[in-house]
């Protein structure tokens, strides 16, 4: 994690996620008028006057409510306070000082870190004058009236905040680090898997489907491996999504898929592979991502001699013609093969970024073509002269030949199978293109 960390904290519904989005310059956190939308800690990066920083968005701090997430959200808020270099305590000028504000101010008194009280919703001068009552909280170095909605006052706030940063920071601490997104249907065990991997309660876990809402990025560094692991909201069929918040959660999960290098698609072993699982895998393949299928809750399945083999065959049959995806059977509960899943994801990343020398490609694939040349069409013979890998993000190979338009789908599949036989592209979609020579 980088230095120069700003944590935005406060009670629910004061506009923390709106400010978070403004400070990082993108709509990353879900915003809604419903209280308690944000649950986990969410990270983003921004810069101001030549200094780069990381911002943490947190859930609303509450005490004594009926919300089953209350204790977990509060735990996440306390972790953010521990991580931060500067704390923005957000309040609402419309509502004035509330009992929850006073209670949370007592929590913040335990830290010696710089705190700024940010009086949000000060859209007019008249409202800005109302901020005076927050001096009664007796906390923080200064009170800043802002409007996170239209951005007024945020420049003055940042001018003050960046004074506490000792260095310029890093523009994007995550640049160049592999990104692995954990995707799947609700309640498959995604957050439990990420927490177990990180060795901390990074993401809130409950039995309730839809616990995770934002896409939560975490840095993983162990066994000589470093990557960003992204926990996402469960993906249900469109017809089942009724709430706006879930709709935005799904959109964040899909964006996490699009930004990832490798997608770990988690299935629930007790339910088998379902239609939505197949859709998620197809979406990852369409976006040309590395894919690993993780079958969780394997400890709950009654096993016979060939159970694993039959289960894997059923999965590959359902996702056909995608045959190249590795399947790992795990149990987050019993910690079974968790690190095998990570190792497999990193192998897939290596496969995805592999560059093959042109000489090696031609030495191994041209004999396969000679052994089984493209079928003649209209009495014309297709001759493939040579092959080269193109400088793209995903493995793409150009086959130079005299009549590229005559190469049909079955022969393309033969060539792809030949490529996979000679080179390790497990878990990775490869693209073959044919050019005239």
Protein backbone atom coordinates (compact mmCIF):
# COMPACT_ATOMS: atom_id res chain seq x y z
CA UNK A 1 0.00 0.00 0.00
CA UNK A 2 1.23 3.46 -0.84
CA UNK A 3 1.87 6.35 1.53
CA UNK A 4 -0.21 9.56 1.47
CA UNK A 5 -3.45 7.90 2.54
CA UNK A 6 -6.66 9.89 3.16
CA UNK A 7 -9.56 8.13 4.95
CA UNK A 8 -13.09 9.50 4.61
CA UNK A 9 -15.15 8.56 7.67
CA UNK A 10 -18.41 9.55 9.34
CA UNK A 11 -21.96 8.39 10.00
CA UNK A 12 -24.12 6.99 7.16
CA UNK A 13 -25.52 9.12 4.33
CA UNK A 14 -23.38 12.25 4.72
CA UNK A 15 -21.88 11.98 1.19
CA UNK A 16 -18.62 10.09 1.80
CA UNK A 17 -18.78 8.09 -1.46
CA UNK A 18 -19.60 11.24 -3.46
CA UNK A 19 -16.50 12.95 -2.04
CA UNK A 20 -14.45 9.79 -2.64
CA UNK A 21 -15.46 9.76 -6.32
CA UNK A 22 -14.62 13.47 -6.63
CA UNK A 23 -11.17 13.09 -5.03
CA UNK A 24 -10.20 10.24 -7.37
CA UNK A 25 -11.88 11.78 -10.44
CA UNK A 26 -14.08 8.83 -11.36
CA UNK A 27 -17.37 7.19 -10.33
CA UNK A 28 -15.88 4.19 -8.59
CA UNK A 29 -17.96 3.98 -5.40
CA UNK A 30 -21.70 3.35 -5.55
CA UNK A 31 -23.76 6.38 -4.46
CA UNK A 32 -27.39 6.23 -3.39
CA UNK A 33 -29.70 8.12 -1.05
CA UNK A 34 -30.30 4.88 0.85
CA UNK A 35 -28.31 4.74 4.09
CA UNK A 36 -25.56 2.12 4.39
CA UNK A 37 -24.76 1.52 0.71
CA UNK A 38 -20.98 1.32 1.31
CA UNK A 39 -19.88 -1.57 3.52
CA UNK A 40 -16.27 -2.55 2.81
CA UNK A 41 -13.24 -0.27 2.52
CA UNK A 42 -12.79 0.93 -1.05
CA UNK A 43 -9.52 2.39 -2.40
CA UNK A 44 -8.86 4.90 -5.18
CA UNK A 45 -5.99 7.14 -6.31
CA UNK A 46 -5.80 10.85 -7.13
CA UNK A 47 -3.43 13.80 -7.19
CA UNK A 48 -3.39 17.46 -6.15
CA UNK A 49 -0.73 20.12 -6.81
CA UNK A 50 1.86 17.51 -7.80
CA UNK A 51 1.24 15.17 -4.87
CA UNK A 52 -0.30 11.73 -5.38
CA UNK A 53 -2.52 10.14 -2.74
CA UNK A 54 -4.70 7.12 -1.99
CA UNK A 55 -8.26 7.67 -0.71
CA UNK A 56 -10.20 5.17 1.39
CA UNK A 57 -14.01 5.24 1.28
CA UNK A 58 -15.68 3.63 4.29
CA UNK A 59 -19.14 2.56 5.38
CA UNK A 60 -21.18 4.76 7.73
CA UNK A 61 -20.24 4.35 11.40
CA UNK A 62 -23.25 3.45 13.56
CA UNK A 63 -23.82 2.01 17.00
CA UNK A 64 -26.79 0.20 18.49
CA UNK A 65 -28.70 -0.31 15.23
CA UNK A 66 -30.49 -3.46 14.02
CA UNK A 67 -28.29 -3.66 10.93
CA UNK A 68 -26.55 -7.06 10.78
CA UNK A 69 -23.58 -5.38 9.08
CA UNK A 70 -23.05 -2.75 11.82
CA UNK A 71 -20.21 -4.49 13.70
CA UNK A 72 -18.37 -5.42 10.49
CA UNK A 73 -18.70 -1.93 8.97
CA UNK A 74 -17.37 -0.37 12.18
CA UNK A 75 -14.42 -2.78 12.08
CA UNK A 76 -13.66 -1.67 8.50
CA UNK A 77 -13.87 2.02 9.55
CA UNK A 78 -11.38 1.43 12.39
CA UNK A 79 -8.98 -0.32 10.01
CA UNK A 80 -9.17 2.66 7.63
CA UNK A 81 -8.37 5.06 10.51
CA UNK A 82 -5.31 2.93 11.41
CA UNK A 83 -4.08 2.97 7.79
CA UNK A 84 -4.62 6.66 7.10
CA UNK A 85 -2.16 9.56 7.26
CA UNK A 86 -4.98 12.14 7.26
CA UNK A 87 -8.62 11.64 8.33
CA UNK A 88 -11.59 13.51 6.85
CA UNK A 89 -14.48 13.39 9.35
CA UNK A 90 -17.55 14.10 7.25
CA UNK A 91 -20.70 15.72 8.67
CA UNK A 92 -23.88 17.17 7.13
CA UNK A 93 -24.66 20.91 7.53
CA UNK A 94 -28.32 20.27 6.70
CA UNK A 95 -28.75 17.86 9.60
CA UNK A 96 -26.41 19.68 12.01
CA UNK A 97 -24.63 17.88 14.85
CA UNK A 98 -26.27 14.52 15.55
CA UNK A 99 -25.81 12.06 18.41
CA UNK A 100 -23.99 9.73 15.99
CA UNK A 101 -21.55 12.53 15.07
CA UNK A 102 -20.80 13.12 18.76
CA UNK A 103 -20.34 9.41 19.37
CA UNK A 104 -18.00 9.05 16.40
CA UNK A 105 -16.01 12.13 17.46
CA UNK A 106 -15.26 10.22 20.69
CA UNK A 107 -13.90 7.33 18.60
CA UNK A 108 -11.64 9.71 16.64
CA UNK A 109 -10.23 11.27 19.82
CA UNK A 110 -8.25 8.04 20.33
CA UNK A 111 -6.05 8.78 17.30
CA UNK A 112 -3.31 11.40 17.13
CA UNK A 113 -3.52 11.66 13.31
CA UNK A 114 -4.52 14.96 11.68
CA UNK A 115 -8.31 15.21 11.40
CA UNK A 116 -10.33 17.68 9.31
CA UNK A 117 -14.06 18.09 9.88
CA UNK A 118 -15.66 18.28 6.43
CA UNK A 119 -19.09 19.94 6.56
CA UNK A 120 -20.81 18.59 3.44
CA UNK A 121 -23.88 19.87 1.55
CA UNK A 122 -22.77 23.51 2.04
CA UNK A 123 -24.06 24.36 -1.44
CA UNK A 124 -24.87 27.98 -0.56
CA UNK A 125 -23.22 30.68 1.57
CA UNK A 126 -26.08 30.50 4.06
CA UNK A 127 -25.47 26.80 4.55
CA UNK A 128 -21.73 27.42 4.81
CA UNK A 129 -22.34 29.67 7.82
CA UNK A 130 -24.13 26.78 9.58
CA UNK A 131 -20.86 24.89 9.90
CA UNK A 132 -20.03 26.82 13.09
CA UNK A 133 -22.04 24.43 15.25
CA UNK A 134 -19.57 21.62 14.47
CA UNK A 135 -16.94 23.38 16.59
CA UNK A 136 -18.95 21.97 19.50
CA UNK A 137 -17.55 18.54 18.61
CA UNK A 138 -14.15 19.82 19.80
CA UNK A 139 -12.25 17.76 17.28
CA UNK A 140 -10.06 18.33 14.24
CA UNK A 141 -7.60 20.96 13.08
CA UNK A 142 -10.14 22.92 11.05
CA UNK A 143 -13.70 22.79 9.63
CA UNK A 144 -14.14 22.95 5.86
CA UNK A 145 -17.55 23.65 4.31
CA UNK A 146 -17.78 21.78 1.00
CA UNK A 147 -20.25 20.39 -1.49
CA UNK A 148 -19.06 16.96 -2.60
CA UNK A 149 -21.85 17.05 -5.21
CA UNK A 150 -20.58 20.11 -7.12
CA UNK A 151 -16.99 20.18 -5.80
CA UNK A 152 -17.03 23.60 -4.13
CA UNK A 153 -14.58 23.84 -1.22
CA UNK A 154 -12.74 20.61 -2.08
CA UNK A 155 -9.71 22.50 -3.51
CA UNK A 156 -9.16 24.43 -0.26
CA UNK A 157 -9.56 21.18 1.69
CA UNK A 158 -6.96 19.36 -0.44
CA UNK A 159 -4.54 22.32 -0.21
CA UNK A 160 -4.50 21.75 3.55
CA UNK A 161 -4.50 17.94 3.45
CA UNK A 162 -1.47 17.58 1.12
CA UNK A 163 0.67 19.66 3.53
CA UNK A 164 0.83 16.53 5.72
CA UNK A 165 2.38 14.39 2.98
CA UNK A 166 6.15 14.05 3.33
CA UNK A 167 6.78 13.05 -0.30
CA UNK A 168 5.14 13.30 -3.69
CA UNK A 169 3.78 9.75 -3.52
CA UNK A 170 3.27 7.38 -6.45
CA UNK A 171 0.95 8.20 -9.35
CA UNK A 172 -0.55 4.71 -9.52
CA UNK A 173 0.78 2.24 -6.94
CA UNK A 174 -1.00 -0.57 -8.81
CA UNK A 175 0.53 0.12 -12.26
CA UNK A 176 2.04 -2.96 -13.90
CA UNK A 177 0.83 -5.35 -11.19
CA UNK A 178 -1.33 -8.29 -12.39
CA UNK A 179 -5.05 -7.92 -11.55
CA UNK A 180 -7.10 -10.96 -10.60
CA UNK A 181 -10.89 -10.57 -10.28
CA UNK A 182 -12.90 -13.06 -8.22
CA UNK A 183 -16.34 -13.44 -9.82
CA UNK A 184 -19.36 -15.65 -9.39
CA UNK A 185 -22.96 -15.90 -8.28
CA UNK A 186 -24.02 -14.54 -4.85
CA UNK A 187 -22.95 -16.59 -1.80
CA UNK A 188 -20.36 -18.70 -3.63
CA UNK A 189 -17.73 -17.71 -1.03
CA UNK A 190 -15.80 -15.00 -2.92
CA UNK A 191 -15.21 -12.65 0.04
CA UNK A 192 -14.31 -15.55 2.37
CA UNK A 193 -11.75 -16.74 -0.21
CA UNK A 194 -10.17 -13.25 -0.49
CA UNK A 195 -10.09 -12.80 3.31
CA UNK A 196 -8.43 -16.21 3.79
CA UNK A 197 -5.86 -15.38 1.15
CA UNK A 198 -5.02 -11.99 2.66
CA UNK A 199 -5.04 -13.33 6.22
CA UNK A 200 -7.32 -10.50 7.39
CA UNK A 201 -10.98 -9.52 7.48
CA UNK A 202 -10.58 -7.36 4.38
CA UNK A 203 -14.14 -7.88 3.14
CA UNK A 204 -17.36 -8.25 5.08
CA UNK A 205 -18.72 -11.81 5.04
CA UNK A 206 -22.28 -12.87 5.98
CA UNK A 207 -24.67 -15.64 4.92
CA UNK A 208 -26.77 -12.97 3.23
CA UNK A 209 -26.53 -12.83 -0.56
CA UNK A 210 -25.47 -9.40 -1.85
CA UNK A 211 -23.20 -8.52 1.10
CA UNK A 212 -20.42 -7.22 -1.19
CA UNK A 213 -21.47 -4.22 -3.31
CA UNK A 214 -18.43 -2.35 -4.57
CA UNK A 215 -15.52 -4.08 -6.33
CA UNK A 216 -12.91 -4.24 -3.54
CA UNK A 217 -9.23 -4.08 -4.60
CA UNK A 218 -6.53 -5.53 -2.30
CA UNK A 219 -2.78 -5.94 -2.76
CA UNK A 220 -1.55 -9.52 -2.25
CA UNK A 221 2.11 -10.23 -1.65
CA UNK A 222 3.23 -13.70 -0.56
CA UNK A 223 5.44 -16.57 -1.73
CA UNK A 224 7.23 -14.20 -4.09
CA UNK A 225 4.00 -13.29 -5.87
CA UNK A 226 2.44 -9.85 -6.01
CA UNK A 227 -0.88 -8.96 -7.56
CA UNK A 228 -4.11 -7.02 -7.03
CA UNK A 229 -7.02 -9.25 -6.08
CA UNK A 230 -10.50 -7.83 -6.64
CA UNK A 231 -13.53 -9.10 -4.71
CA UNK A 232 -16.79 -8.42 -6.56
CA UNK A 233 -20.52 -8.49 -5.98
CA UNK A 234 -22.37 -11.69 -6.88
CA UNK A 235 -23.72 -11.72 -10.43
CA UNK A 236 -27.33 -12.81 -10.86
CA UNK A 237 -29.44 -12.97 -14.00
CA UNK A 238 -30.66 -9.55 -15.17
CA UNK A 239 -34.30 -10.52 -14.54
CA UNK A 240 -33.50 -11.15 -10.86
CA UNK A 241 -31.91 -7.72 -10.29
CA UNK A 242 -34.54 -5.29 -9.04
CA UNK A 243 -32.76 -2.78 -6.77
CA UNK A 244 -30.72 0.11 -8.17
CA UNK A 245 -27.92 -0.65 -5.70
CA UNK A 246 -27.60 -4.24 -6.93
CA UNK A 247 -27.66 -3.02 -10.53
CA UNK A 248 -24.68 -0.74 -9.82
CA UNK A 249 -22.94 -3.57 -7.91
CA UNK A 250 -23.29 -5.77 -10.98
CA UNK A 251 -21.94 -2.98 -13.21
CA UNK A 252 -18.89 -2.62 -10.89
CA UNK A 253 -18.32 -6.40 -11.03
CA UNK A 254 -18.45 -6.37 -14.84
CA UNK A 255 -16.03 -3.42 -14.93
CA UNK A 256 -13.69 -5.38 -12.61
CA UNK A 257 -13.87 -8.27 -15.10
CA UNK A 258 -13.03 -5.92 -17.98
CA UNK A 259 -10.04 -4.44 -16.12
CA UNK A 260 -8.66 -7.79 -14.86
CA UNK A 261 -5.88 -9.87 -16.40
CA UNK A 262 -7.22 -13.13 -14.95
CA UNK A 263 -10.74 -13.99 -13.76
CA UNK A 264 -11.24 -16.57 -11.02
CA UNK A 265 -14.83 -17.74 -11.53
CA UNK A 266 -16.10 -19.31 -8.32
CA UNK A 267 -18.78 -22.02 -8.40
CA UNK A 268 -20.73 -23.47 -5.49
CA UNK A 269 -20.07 -27.25 -5.50
CA UNK A 270 -23.41 -27.94 -3.80
CA UNK A 271 -25.27 -26.33 -6.72
CA UNK A 272 -23.07 -27.43 -9.61
CA UNK A 273 -22.49 -25.24 -12.65
CA UNK A 274 -25.53 -23.06 -13.36
CA UNK A 275 -26.57 -20.96 -16.34
CA UNK A 276 -25.26 -17.74 -14.79
CA UNK A 277 -21.85 -19.34 -14.15
CA UNK A 278 -21.68 -20.24 -17.85
CA UNK A 279 -22.60 -16.63 -18.74
CA UNK A 280 -19.80 -15.23 -16.53
CA UNK A 281 -17.23 -17.58 -18.10
CA UNK A 282 -18.46 -16.67 -21.60
CA UNK A 283 -18.17 -12.95 -20.75
CA UNK A 284 -14.59 -13.43 -19.51
CA UNK A 285 -13.74 -15.34 -22.70
CA UNK A 286 -15.37 -12.67 -24.87
CA UNK A 287 -13.20 -10.04 -23.12
CA UNK A 288 -10.17 -12.28 -23.73
CA UNK A 289 -9.27 -12.73 -20.07
CA UNK A 290 -7.33 -15.53 -18.45
CA UNK A 291 -9.81 -17.85 -16.68
CA UNK A 292 -9.56 -20.22 -13.70
CA UNK A 293 -12.67 -22.05 -12.44
CA UNK A 294 -12.72 -22.50 -8.67
CA UNK A 295 -15.20 -25.03 -7.30
CA UNK A 296 -15.75 -23.97 -3.66
CA UNK A 297 -17.49 -25.91 -0.83
CA UNK A 298 -16.00 -29.16 -2.16
CA UNK A 299 -15.94 -30.45 1.44
CA UNK A 300 -19.79 -30.56 1.37
CA UNK A 301 -19.97 -32.93 -1.61
CA UNK A 302 -20.21 -36.69 -1.09
CA UNK A 303 -17.40 -38.25 -3.08
CA UNK A 304 -16.85 -41.52 -4.89
CA UNK A 305 -13.86 -42.65 -6.96
CA UNK A 306 -14.55 -40.50 -10.02
CA UNK A 307 -16.54 -37.62 -8.50
CA UNK A 308 -13.90 -34.95 -9.23
CA UNK A 309 -13.32 -36.16 -12.79
CA UNK A 310 -17.06 -36.35 -13.55
CA UNK A 311 -17.69 -32.89 -12.04
CA UNK A 312 -14.88 -31.39 -14.14
CA UNK A 313 -16.17 -33.10 -17.30
CA UNK A 314 -19.66 -31.72 -16.66
CA UNK A 315 -18.24 -28.18 -16.28
CA UNK A 316 -16.20 -28.40 -19.51
CA UNK A 317 -19.22 -29.85 -21.33
CA UNK A 318 -21.40 -26.93 -20.22
CA UNK A 319 -18.87 -24.26 -21.25
CA UNK A 320 -17.93 -25.90 -24.60
CA UNK A 321 -16.26 -25.01 -26.93
CA UNK A 322 -14.09 -23.39 -24.21
CA UNK A 323 -11.93 -26.41 -23.32
CA UNK A 324 -8.72 -24.79 -22.12
CA UNK A 325 -9.85 -23.63 -18.64
CA UNK A 326 -8.24 -25.21 -15.52
CA UNK A 327 -10.61 -26.34 -12.74
CA UNK A 328 -9.46 -26.28 -9.09
CA UNK A 329 -11.56 -27.88 -6.33
CA UNK A 330 -11.33 -25.99 -3.03
CA UNK A 331 -12.94 -25.43 0.32
CA UNK A 332 -12.50 -22.01 1.89
CA UNK A 333 -13.93 -23.39 5.14
CA UNK A 334 -11.29 -26.14 5.48
CA UNK A 335 -8.60 -24.06 3.68
CA UNK A 336 -8.22 -26.84 1.13
CA UNK A 337 -6.14 -26.03 -2.00
CA UNK A 338 -6.54 -22.25 -1.56
CA UNK A 339 -2.94 -21.51 -2.51
CA UNK A 340 -3.18 -23.97 -5.41
CA UNK A 341 -5.90 -21.66 -6.79
CA UNK A 342 -3.57 -18.64 -6.53
CA UNK A 343 -0.67 -20.51 -8.11
CA UNK A 344 -2.92 -21.58 -10.98
CA UNK A 345 -4.14 -17.99 -11.49
CA UNK A 346 -0.53 -16.76 -11.67
CA UNK A 347 0.38 -19.56 -14.12
CA UNK A 348 -2.52 -18.43 -16.31
CA UNK A 349 -1.24 -14.83 -16.10
CA UNK A 350 2.22 -16.02 -17.21
CA UNK A 351 0.59 -17.93 -20.09
CA UNK A 352 -1.35 -14.82 -21.09
CA UNK A 353 1.76 -12.65 -21.24
CA UNK A 354 3.99 -15.29 -22.89
CA UNK A 355 5.89 -14.24 -26.01
CA UNK A 356 7.02 -17.01 -28.37
CA UNK A 357 9.97 -16.45 -30.74
CA UNK A 358 9.00 -16.57 -34.43
CA UNK A 359 11.63 -19.24 -35.19
CA UNK A 360 10.26 -21.58 -32.51
CA UNK A 361 6.67 -21.03 -33.71
CA UNK A 362 7.56 -21.94 -37.29
CA UNK A 363 9.77 -24.89 -36.30
CA UNK A 364 6.93 -26.52 -34.36
CA UNK A 365 3.73 -25.46 -36.16
CA UNK A 366 4.74 -25.62 -39.85
CA UNK A 367 5.36 -29.43 -39.62
CA UNK A 368 1.83 -29.78 -38.15
CA UNK A 369 0.47 -27.86 -41.16
CA UNK A 370 2.45 -30.05 -43.58
CA UNK A 371 1.08 -33.16 -41.86
CA UNK A 372 -2.49 -31.90 -42.26
CA UNK A 373 -2.67 -29.03 -44.78
CA UNK A 374 -5.78 -26.83 -45.23
CA UNK A 375 -8.36 -28.57 -47.47
CA UNK A 376 -8.49 -27.34 -51.08
CA UNK A 377 -11.50 -25.17 -51.96
CA UNK A 378 -12.69 -24.80 -55.59
CA UNK A 379 -9.54 -26.59 -56.69
CA UNK A 380 -7.30 -24.03 -55.02
CA UNK A 381 -4.68 -24.99 -52.44
CA UNK A 382 -3.99 -22.79 -49.41
CA UNK A 383 -0.31 -22.53 -48.50
CA UNK A 384 0.67 -21.14 -45.10
CA UNK A 385 4.19 -19.68 -45.44
CA UNK A 386 5.03 -18.59 -41.89
CA UNK A 387 3.63 -17.60 -38.49
CA UNK A 388 4.47 -14.81 -36.06
CA UNK A 389 3.10 -13.55 -32.74
CA UNK A 390 1.75 -10.01 -32.82
CA UNK A 391 2.70 -7.43 -30.13
CA UNK A 392 -0.72 -7.38 -28.43
CA UNK A 393 -1.90 -7.67 -24.80
CA UNK A 394 -3.38 -11.11 -25.46
CA UNK A 395 -1.78 -14.00 -27.38
CA UNK A 396 -2.52 -13.27 -31.06
CA UNK A 397 -0.84 -15.07 -33.95
CA UNK A 398 -0.71 -14.08 -37.61
CA UNK A 399 -0.59 -16.85 -40.23
CA UNK A 400 0.67 -15.54 -43.57
CA UNK A 401 -0.73 -17.44 -46.57
CA UNK A 402 -1.72 -17.09 -50.22
CA UNK A 403 -5.53 -17.41 -49.78
CA UNK A 404 -6.52 -16.38 -46.23
CA UNK A 405 -10.22 -16.16 -47.17
CA UNK A 406 -10.35 -19.94 -47.78
CA UNK A 407 -9.36 -20.97 -44.25
CA UNK A 408 -12.52 -22.17 -42.49
CA UNK A 409 -13.53 -22.66 -38.85
CA UNK A 410 -12.69 -26.42 -38.53
CA UNK A 411 -9.12 -25.83 -39.75
CA UNK A 412 -8.74 -22.82 -37.44
CA UNK A 413 -9.67 -25.14 -34.54
CA UNK A 414 -7.05 -27.65 -35.69
CA UNK A 415 -4.40 -24.90 -35.72
CA UNK A 416 -5.44 -23.66 -32.27
CA UNK A 417 -5.24 -27.22 -30.89
CA UNK A 418 -1.77 -27.58 -32.43
CA UNK A 419 -0.68 -24.31 -30.77
CA UNK A 420 -2.00 -25.49 -27.41
CA UNK A 421 -0.28 -28.88 -27.82
CA UNK A 422 3.14 -27.26 -28.24
CA UNK A 423 2.82 -24.18 -26.02
CA UNK A 424 1.25 -23.77 -22.59
CA UNK A 425 -1.78 -21.56 -23.04
CA UNK A 426 -3.87 -23.16 -20.30
CA UNK A 427 -6.62 -20.81 -19.14
CA UNK A 428 -5.99 -18.28 -21.93
CA UNK A 429 -8.00 -17.54 -25.09
CA UNK A 430 -5.73 -17.26 -28.13
CA UNK A 431 -6.57 -15.50 -31.38
CA UNK A 432 -5.48 -16.61 -34.85
CA UNK A 433 -5.63 -14.21 -37.79
CA UNK A 434 -4.83 -14.94 -41.42
CA UNK A 435 -3.08 -12.45 -43.69
CA UNK A 436 -2.20 -12.48 -47.33
CA UNK A 437 1.43 -13.08 -48.21
